[in-house]
């Protein structure tokens, strides 16, 4: 990826050293940045960001030192995170311990900021270039637009009635031989005015009640339609869909799911049901019965977002899972984080001993792929393989993927 999308963009350098401010400003301008603003510390940066906001100028990249007199870099990032107006990439210029950087990542990941790297002083243009090549400022601008939209349950119901909620498919690949294993179906809203809307804007309306149940059956039908459309791909191909835990207690859920799959002339093992770890423990005994019946009928059952909850071990020992999906938090950049790597390694080893397939989410780079391969992970899913795609684009993606790996 080139730096073309960064040309003319705005940046801010936060450092108490005027020499450092000047040197980093020169590097950014050499890479094509337009306005580069400077600040002495965190408070100075916040004040100047407010001034820029009043004249409708936005910062795309903020580079900050951590150890500064006055407001330090950690406090600056925390304050930026509290203000949802600020959506920018953040890079740290420091040589701090990895544990401190993990905390900064956690602060930023909770909202609208994204820490994209750590640059050692003195900065080198090659390091800055390599970091920026993996980031797209246009994506951040687009995501901010979605954050400003507010949809009601009635809006979502109307979208469902008009069949505007459709599956986009993200491929899952076997790491041993780069073969297509299947997909995850992720909902997108094809809005007549706003275009393709991501689920973060509306999915909370689809988690409980009658709307959640109606959507689930609609989405199961749509996913089966997609698998039928893709029948020419080398198979067998499966597709996973999310099932809100609240629906596990629905009367005749299993029978209705079987009827939908059979209507599309698919085997039950073509569908993998994902349940999220963080919400699973409510009504556990009754939920277990439903999951067991799904397994008996041939459906796959996956624990989604493994590692983000508090009862993982107990759930794995009691529930009839066929696979676990390791949360992207522990996958991306695990090679550079001893803590992430330890958690990732233990999850894969444990899954292997339990006879479960492991799916790593958030595989975004070749380094992520290589690390997972070394650990013996079975399946990879993430932007390194493909972003979620409309069904109509899967065939062309598959041809490109085959050319890429052969």
Protein backbone atom coordinates (compact mmCIF):
# COMPACT_ATOMS: atom_id res chain seq x y z
CA UNK A 1 0.00 0.00 0.00
CA UNK A 2 1.40 3.42 -0.96
CA UNK A 3 1.10 6.65 0.99
CA UNK A 4 -1.13 8.24 -1.64
CA UNK A 5 -4.12 8.37 0.72
CA UNK A 6 -2.08 10.34 3.23
CA UNK A 7 -1.18 13.12 0.80
CA UNK A 8 -2.31 16.50 2.10
CA UNK A 9 -3.56 15.06 5.40
CA UNK A 10 -3.20 16.84 8.73
CA UNK A 11 -1.07 15.68 11.64
CA UNK A 12 -0.10 16.83 15.11
CA UNK A 13 3.21 16.23 16.89
CA UNK A 14 3.08 16.34 20.69
CA UNK A 15 6.49 16.58 22.35
CA UNK A 16 8.11 18.89 24.88
CA UNK A 17 11.30 19.01 22.79
CA UNK A 18 11.26 21.70 20.10
CA UNK A 19 14.03 19.86 18.27
CA UNK A 20 11.91 16.72 18.17
CA UNK A 21 8.89 18.72 16.99
CA UNK A 22 10.90 20.16 14.11
CA UNK A 23 12.46 16.86 13.04
CA UNK A 24 9.18 14.93 13.03
CA UNK A 25 7.40 17.77 11.22
CA UNK A 26 10.02 17.64 8.46
CA UNK A 27 9.63 13.87 8.13
CA UNK A 28 5.86 14.13 7.81
CA UNK A 29 6.07 16.89 5.23
CA UNK A 30 8.56 14.87 3.20
CA UNK A 31 6.01 12.03 3.16
CA UNK A 32 3.36 14.34 1.73
CA UNK A 33 1.41 15.56 4.75
CA UNK A 34 -0.18 18.99 4.47
CA UNK A 35 -0.64 20.83 7.77
CA UNK A 36 1.50 19.59 10.66
CA UNK A 37 0.64 21.16 14.02
CA UNK A 38 2.81 20.94 17.14
CA UNK A 39 2.04 20.93 20.87
CA UNK A 40 4.21 21.05 24.00
CA UNK A 41 2.26 18.52 26.06
CA UNK A 42 -1.12 16.85 26.36
CA UNK A 43 -3.04 19.90 27.56
CA UNK A 44 -1.56 22.05 24.80
CA UNK A 45 -2.62 19.39 22.29
CA UNK A 46 -6.20 19.30 23.59
CA UNK A 47 -6.45 23.09 23.45
CA UNK A 48 -5.19 23.20 19.87
CA UNK A 49 -7.47 20.35 18.79
CA UNK A 50 -10.44 22.34 20.10
CA UNK A 51 -9.27 25.40 18.18
CA UNK A 52 -8.93 23.36 14.99
CA UNK A 53 -12.38 21.87 15.49
CA UNK A 54 -13.91 25.35 15.58
CA UNK A 55 -12.55 26.01 12.08
CA UNK A 56 -13.59 22.53 10.93
CA UNK A 57 -10.06 21.15 10.55
CA UNK A 58 -9.53 17.54 11.56
CA UNK A 59 -6.35 15.72 12.56
CA UNK A 60 -5.80 12.35 10.88
CA UNK A 61 -2.59 11.36 12.68
CA UNK A 62 -1.37 12.29 16.15
CA UNK A 63 2.18 11.40 17.16
CA UNK A 64 2.84 11.82 20.85
CA UNK A 65 5.62 11.28 23.32
CA UNK A 66 4.52 9.63 26.56
CA UNK A 67 6.80 11.09 29.21
CA UNK A 68 6.19 14.85 29.18
CA UNK A 69 5.90 17.48 31.93
CA UNK A 70 2.36 18.64 32.50
CA UNK A 71 -0.17 16.31 30.89
CA UNK A 72 1.66 13.18 29.71
CA UNK A 73 0.85 11.08 26.66
CA UNK A 74 -1.19 8.45 28.49
CA UNK A 75 -3.48 11.11 29.99
CA UNK A 76 -3.76 12.78 26.59
CA UNK A 77 -4.93 9.55 24.94
CA UNK A 78 -7.40 8.96 27.79
CA UNK A 79 -8.85 12.45 27.33
CA UNK A 80 -9.11 12.03 23.57
CA UNK A 81 -10.95 8.76 24.09
CA UNK A 82 -13.58 10.47 26.24
CA UNK A 83 -14.41 12.86 23.41
CA UNK A 84 -16.08 11.00 20.55
CA UNK A 85 -15.50 13.96 18.20
CA UNK A 86 -11.88 12.87 17.87
CA UNK A 87 -11.34 9.96 15.52
CA UNK A 88 -7.73 9.64 14.49
CA UNK A 89 -4.76 7.35 14.27
CA UNK A 90 -2.32 7.64 17.18
CA UNK A 91 1.35 6.72 17.16
CA UNK A 92 3.56 6.73 20.23
CA UNK A 93 7.10 8.08 20.09
CA UNK A 94 8.82 6.41 23.01
CA UNK A 95 10.82 3.49 24.29
CA UNK A 96 8.49 2.52 27.12
CA UNK A 97 7.89 -0.98 28.44
CA UNK A 98 5.52 -3.25 26.52
CA UNK A 99 3.09 -3.45 29.47
CA UNK A 100 2.53 0.30 29.33
CA UNK A 101 1.87 0.14 25.59
CA UNK A 102 -0.67 -2.65 26.09
CA UNK A 103 -2.58 -0.37 28.49
CA UNK A 104 -2.55 2.42 25.91
CA UNK A 105 -3.88 0.04 23.26
CA UNK A 106 -6.66 -1.02 25.63
CA UNK A 107 -7.65 2.60 26.28
CA UNK A 108 -7.78 3.37 22.58
CA UNK A 109 -9.48 0.15 21.50
CA UNK A 110 -12.43 0.91 23.78
CA UNK A 111 -13.60 3.67 21.46
CA UNK A 112 -12.74 5.78 18.44
CA UNK A 113 -8.94 5.95 18.53
CA UNK A 114 -6.51 3.45 17.11
CA UNK A 115 -2.90 3.16 18.26
CA UNK A 116 -1.08 2.06 15.12
CA UNK A 117 2.48 1.80 16.30
CA UNK A 118 5.40 2.72 18.49
CA UNK A 119 8.30 4.63 16.99
CA UNK A 120 11.69 4.77 18.66
CA UNK A 121 13.49 8.07 18.94
CA UNK A 122 15.12 9.45 16.89
CA UNK A 123 12.44 8.74 14.29
CA UNK A 124 13.45 7.37 10.92
CA UNK A 125 11.45 8.09 7.79
CA UNK A 126 11.48 4.39 6.81
CA UNK A 127 9.83 3.40 10.12
CA UNK A 128 7.20 6.10 9.77
CA UNK A 129 6.50 5.10 6.17
CA UNK A 130 6.14 1.41 7.03
CA UNK A 131 3.68 2.23 9.80
CA UNK A 132 1.51 4.48 7.64
CA UNK A 133 1.37 2.04 4.73
CA UNK A 134 -0.91 -0.24 6.77
CA UNK A 135 -3.44 2.49 7.65
CA UNK A 136 -6.15 4.20 5.64
CA UNK A 137 -7.35 7.62 6.86
CA UNK A 138 -10.41 7.37 4.61
CA UNK A 139 -11.63 4.39 6.62
CA UNK A 140 -11.56 6.45 9.80
CA UNK A 141 -13.50 9.27 8.19
CA UNK A 142 -16.10 6.81 6.92
CA UNK A 143 -16.43 5.12 10.31
CA UNK A 144 -16.95 8.45 12.02
CA UNK A 145 -19.87 9.14 9.69
CA UNK A 146 -21.52 5.90 10.81
CA UNK A 147 -21.00 6.72 14.48
CA UNK A 148 -23.12 9.84 14.02
CA UNK A 149 -26.14 7.93 12.69
CA UNK A 150 -28.84 6.89 15.15
CA UNK A 151 -31.36 4.24 14.11
CA UNK A 152 -34.40 3.11 16.08
CA UNK A 153 -35.78 -0.40 16.40
CA UNK A 154 -38.58 0.67 14.04
CA UNK A 155 -35.99 1.68 11.43
CA UNK A 156 -34.36 -1.73 11.70
CA UNK A 157 -37.72 -3.50 11.54
CA UNK A 158 -38.51 -1.64 8.32
CA UNK A 159 -35.11 -2.62 6.91
CA UNK A 160 -35.84 -6.24 7.76
CA UNK A 161 -39.28 -6.06 6.16
CA UNK A 162 -37.72 -4.61 3.00
CA UNK A 163 -34.96 -7.27 2.96
CA UNK A 164 -32.22 -4.67 3.27
CA UNK A 165 -30.31 -6.66 5.93
CA UNK A 166 -28.06 -8.97 3.94
CA UNK A 167 -25.09 -11.26 4.61
CA UNK A 168 -21.57 -10.25 3.66
CA UNK A 169 -19.25 -13.26 3.75
CA UNK A 170 -15.75 -13.30 5.25
CA UNK A 171 -13.70 -16.35 4.22
CA UNK A 172 -12.10 -18.79 6.65
CA UNK A 173 -8.95 -20.49 5.36
CA UNK A 174 -7.15 -23.66 6.45
CA UNK A 175 -3.65 -22.66 7.48
CA UNK A 176 -2.04 -25.98 6.57
CA UNK A 177 -2.81 -25.76 2.85
CA UNK A 178 -4.51 -22.36 2.30
CA UNK A 179 -7.75 -24.08 1.28
CA UNK A 180 -11.15 -22.39 1.53
CA UNK A 181 -12.89 -23.92 4.54
CA UNK A 182 -15.97 -21.75 4.75
CA UNK A 183 -17.26 -18.32 5.69
CA UNK A 184 -18.72 -16.24 8.45
CA UNK A 185 -21.92 -14.41 7.49
CA UNK A 186 -21.85 -10.83 8.82
CA UNK A 187 -24.88 -8.58 8.50
CA UNK A 188 -24.81 -5.35 6.50
CA UNK A 189 -27.64 -2.91 5.91
CA UNK A 190 -28.10 -1.88 2.27
CA UNK A 191 -29.63 1.49 3.05
CA UNK A 192 -31.26 3.36 0.13
CA UNK A 193 -29.83 6.69 1.33
CA UNK A 194 -26.64 5.90 3.26
CA UNK A 195 -25.35 2.91 1.30
CA UNK A 196 -23.77 -0.06 3.07
CA UNK A 197 -24.13 0.48 6.83
CA UNK A 198 -21.96 -1.57 9.24
CA UNK A 199 -23.62 -3.51 12.07
CA UNK A 200 -22.21 -1.32 14.84
CA UNK A 201 -24.96 1.19 14.00
CA UNK A 202 -27.92 -1.15 14.47
CA UNK A 203 -27.03 -4.64 15.69
CA UNK A 204 -27.97 -3.86 19.30
CA UNK A 205 -31.60 -3.87 18.15
CA UNK A 206 -31.19 -7.46 16.95
CA UNK A 207 -30.12 -9.11 20.18
CA UNK A 208 -33.40 -9.67 22.07
CA UNK A 209 -37.14 -9.95 21.56
CA UNK A 210 -39.26 -10.72 18.52
CA UNK A 211 -37.13 -8.55 16.22
CA UNK A 212 -34.07 -10.64 17.11
CA UNK A 213 -35.92 -13.88 16.36
CA UNK A 214 -37.38 -12.61 13.08
CA UNK A 215 -33.97 -11.40 11.98
CA UNK A 216 -32.27 -14.68 12.89
CA UNK A 217 -34.61 -16.76 10.73
CA UNK A 218 -34.34 -14.21 7.90
CA UNK A 219 -30.55 -14.27 8.12
CA UNK A 220 -30.42 -18.06 8.25
CA UNK A 221 -32.50 -18.18 5.05
CA UNK A 222 -30.23 -15.59 3.40
CA UNK A 223 -27.09 -17.47 4.45
CA UNK A 224 -28.44 -20.73 3.05
CA UNK A 225 -29.27 -18.89 -0.18
CA UNK A 226 -25.66 -17.70 -0.33
CA UNK A 227 -24.30 -21.22 0.16
CA UNK A 228 -26.57 -22.49 -2.61
CA UNK A 229 -25.33 -19.73 -4.91
CA UNK A 230 -21.72 -20.71 -4.15
CA UNK A 231 -22.26 -24.43 -4.68
CA UNK A 232 -19.71 -24.47 -7.52
CA UNK A 233 -16.86 -23.69 -5.11
CA UNK A 234 -14.78 -26.71 -4.08
CA UNK A 235 -16.38 -28.07 -0.95
CA UNK A 236 -17.79 -28.96 1.37
CA UNK A 237 -18.24 -25.33 2.41
CA UNK A 238 -19.76 -24.24 5.72
CA UNK A 239 -20.93 -20.87 6.95
CA UNK A 240 -21.15 -19.63 10.53
CA UNK A 241 -23.79 -17.22 11.81
CA UNK A 242 -24.29 -15.60 15.19
CA UNK A 243 -27.13 -16.76 17.43
CA UNK A 244 -27.98 -14.43 20.33
CA UNK A 245 -27.94 -16.41 23.56
CA UNK A 246 -31.40 -15.05 24.38
CA UNK A 247 -32.81 -17.08 21.48
CA UNK A 248 -31.48 -20.42 22.72
CA UNK A 249 -34.63 -20.78 24.82
CA UNK A 250 -36.96 -20.17 21.87
CA UNK A 251 -39.65 -22.81 21.42
CA UNK A 252 -38.99 -25.14 18.47
CA UNK A 253 -35.78 -23.30 17.54
CA UNK A 254 -33.98 -26.49 16.50
CA UNK A 255 -36.91 -27.81 14.46
CA UNK A 256 -37.31 -24.49 12.65
CA UNK A 257 -33.60 -24.30 11.87
CA UNK A 258 -33.65 -27.81 10.43
CA UNK A 259 -36.64 -26.89 8.27
CA UNK A 260 -34.85 -23.83 6.87
CA UNK A 261 -31.70 -25.79 6.01
CA UNK A 262 -33.67 -28.62 4.42
CA UNK A 263 -35.71 -26.14 2.38
CA UNK A 264 -32.44 -25.10 0.74
CA UNK A 265 -31.37 -28.74 0.30
CA UNK A 266 -28.31 -28.31 2.49
CA UNK A 267 -26.96 -30.60 5.21
CA UNK A 268 -27.13 -29.29 8.76
CA UNK A 269 -23.33 -29.35 9.02
CA UNK A 270 -23.23 -26.56 6.44
CA UNK A 271 -24.24 -24.16 9.24
CA UNK A 272 -22.13 -23.36 12.30
CA UNK A 273 -23.87 -21.52 15.13
CA UNK A 274 -21.72 -19.00 17.01
CA UNK A 275 -22.55 -18.05 20.58
CA UNK A 276 -20.64 -15.30 22.33
CA UNK A 277 -18.68 -16.25 25.42
CA UNK A 278 -19.45 -13.08 27.39
CA UNK A 279 -23.22 -13.63 27.41
CA UNK A 280 -23.51 -17.40 27.54
CA UNK A 281 -23.75 -18.16 31.24
CA UNK A 282 -27.33 -16.92 31.74
CA UNK A 283 -29.85 -19.81 31.74
CA UNK A 284 -26.95 -22.19 31.18
CA UNK A 285 -28.74 -25.47 31.84
CA UNK A 286 -31.54 -24.81 29.34
CA UNK A 287 -29.09 -23.36 26.81
CA UNK A 288 -26.99 -26.52 27.05
CA UNK A 289 -29.97 -28.61 26.04
CA UNK A 290 -30.53 -26.56 22.90
CA UNK A 291 -26.86 -26.69 21.94
CA UNK A 292 -26.78 -30.44 22.48
CA UNK A 293 -29.80 -30.90 20.20
CA UNK A 294 -28.15 -28.74 17.53
CA UNK A 295 -25.03 -30.89 17.71
CA UNK A 296 -27.07 -34.10 17.49
CA UNK A 297 -28.67 -32.82 14.30
CA UNK A 298 -25.30 -32.04 12.75
CA UNK A 299 -24.95 -28.28 13.22
CA UNK A 300 -21.56 -26.96 14.24
CA UNK A 301 -21.37 -24.94 17.46
CA UNK A 302 -18.64 -22.36 18.04
CA UNK A 303 -17.69 -20.27 21.05
CA UNK A 304 -17.22 -16.78 19.63
CA UNK A 305 -14.79 -14.14 20.96
CA UNK A 306 -12.98 -16.69 23.11
CA UNK A 307 -10.90 -15.02 25.80
CA UNK A 308 -13.04 -11.93 26.33
CA UNK A 309 -15.27 -13.34 29.10
CA UNK A 310 -14.77 -14.74 32.57
CA UNK A 311 -16.02 -18.33 32.39
CA UNK A 312 -14.16 -19.79 29.44
CA UNK A 313 -12.84 -22.94 31.12
CA UNK A 314 -16.16 -23.86 32.69
CA UNK A 315 -18.02 -23.34 29.44
CA UNK A 316 -15.58 -25.40 27.42
CA UNK A 317 -15.82 -28.27 29.88
CA UNK A 318 -19.63 -28.36 29.80
CA UNK A 319 -20.74 -27.21 26.35
CA UNK A 320 -20.81 -29.25 23.12
CA UNK A 321 -18.64 -26.90 21.08
CA UNK A 322 -17.01 -28.01 17.84
CA UNK A 323 -14.70 -25.01 17.54
CA UNK A 324 -13.56 -21.88 19.32
CA UNK A 325 -12.96 -18.53 17.70
CA UNK A 326 -10.08 -16.72 19.34
CA UNK A 327 -10.82 -13.03 19.70
CA UNK A 328 -8.84 -10.69 17.47
CA UNK A 329 -7.53 -8.90 20.56
CA UNK A 330 -5.16 -11.83 21.13
CA UNK A 331 -4.36 -12.52 17.47
CA UNK A 332 -3.28 -9.32 15.75
CA UNK A 333 0.34 -8.40 16.54
CA UNK A 334 0.69 -11.30 18.99
CA UNK A 335 4.21 -11.80 17.69
CA UNK A 336 5.22 -8.48 19.28
CA UNK A 337 3.34 -8.86 22.59
CA UNK A 338 4.51 -11.55 25.04
CA UNK A 339 1.18 -11.44 26.91
CA UNK A 340 -0.93 -11.82 23.78
CA UNK A 341 1.33 -14.58 22.53
CA UNK A 342 1.06 -16.50 25.80
CA UNK A 343 -2.75 -16.30 25.77
CA UNK A 344 -2.93 -17.22 22.09
CA UNK A 345 -0.59 -20.18 22.55
CA UNK A 346 -2.49 -21.56 25.53
CA UNK A 347 -5.84 -21.22 23.72
CA UNK A 348 -4.59 -23.14 20.69
CA UNK A 349 -2.92 -25.87 22.75
CA UNK A 350 -5.99 -26.32 24.93
CA UNK A 351 -8.28 -26.48 21.89
CA UNK A 352 -6.10 -29.13 20.31
CA UNK A 353 -6.21 -31.25 23.46
CA UNK A 354 -10.01 -30.90 23.58
CA UNK A 355 -10.32 -31.90 19.93
CA UNK A 356 -11.77 -28.54 18.89
CA UNK A 357 -11.02 -26.58 15.75
CA UNK A 358 -9.39 -23.21 16.35
CA UNK A 359 -10.34 -20.18 14.28
CA UNK A 360 -8.18 -17.09 14.70
CA UNK A 361 -10.08 -13.85 14.05
CA UNK A 362 -8.38 -10.58 13.18
CA UNK A 363 -5.57 -11.98 11.01
CA UNK A 364 -4.47 -8.73 9.41
CA UNK A 365 -0.86 -9.21 8.37
CA UNK A 366 1.65 -11.74 7.13
CA UNK A 367 3.25 -11.64 10.58
CA UNK A 368 -0.07 -12.66 12.16
CA UNK A 369 -0.40 -15.53 9.66
CA UNK A 370 3.14 -16.80 10.25
CA UNK A 371 2.77 -16.71 14.03
CA UNK A 372 -0.48 -18.68 13.90
CA UNK A 373 1.06 -21.23 11.56
CA UNK A 374 3.95 -21.75 13.98
CA UNK A 375 1.47 -22.36 16.80
CA UNK A 376 -0.55 -24.88 14.81
CA UNK A 377 -3.77 -22.89 14.49
CA UNK A 378 -6.16 -24.57 12.04
CA UNK A 379 -8.20 -21.75 10.52
CA UNK A 380 -7.58 -18.06 9.83
CA UNK A 381 -10.08 -15.27 9.28
CA UNK A 382 -9.32 -11.59 8.78
CA UNK A 383 -8.39 -8.83 6.39
CA UNK A 384 -5.11 -10.54 5.45
CA UNK A 385 -7.32 -13.12 3.72
CA UNK A 386 -10.26 -10.90 2.79
CA UNK A 387 -12.62 -8.28 4.13
CA UNK A 388 -16.32 -9.29 4.33
CA UNK A 389 -17.67 -9.39 0.78
CA UNK A 390 -21.06 -9.37 -0.93
CA UNK A 391 -21.98 -12.83 -2.16
CA UNK A 392 -21.64 -11.67 -5.77
CA UNK A 393 -17.92 -10.90 -5.24
CA UNK A 394 -16.93 -14.23 -3.66
CA UNK A 395 -16.21 -16.06 -6.93
CA UNK A 396 -13.76 -13.39 -8.14
CA UNK A 397 -12.13 -13.24 -4.70
CA UNK A 398 -11.69 -17.02 -4.75
CA UNK A 399 -9.93 -16.90 -8.13
CA UNK A 400 -7.59 -14.19 -6.81
CA UNK A 401 -6.93 -16.18 -3.64
CA UNK A 402 -5.99 -19.30 -5.60
CA UNK A 403 -3.60 -17.28 -7.73
CA UNK A 404 -2.10 -15.74 -4.60
CA UNK A 405 -1.35 -19.04 -2.86
CA UNK A 406 -0.28 -21.16 -5.83
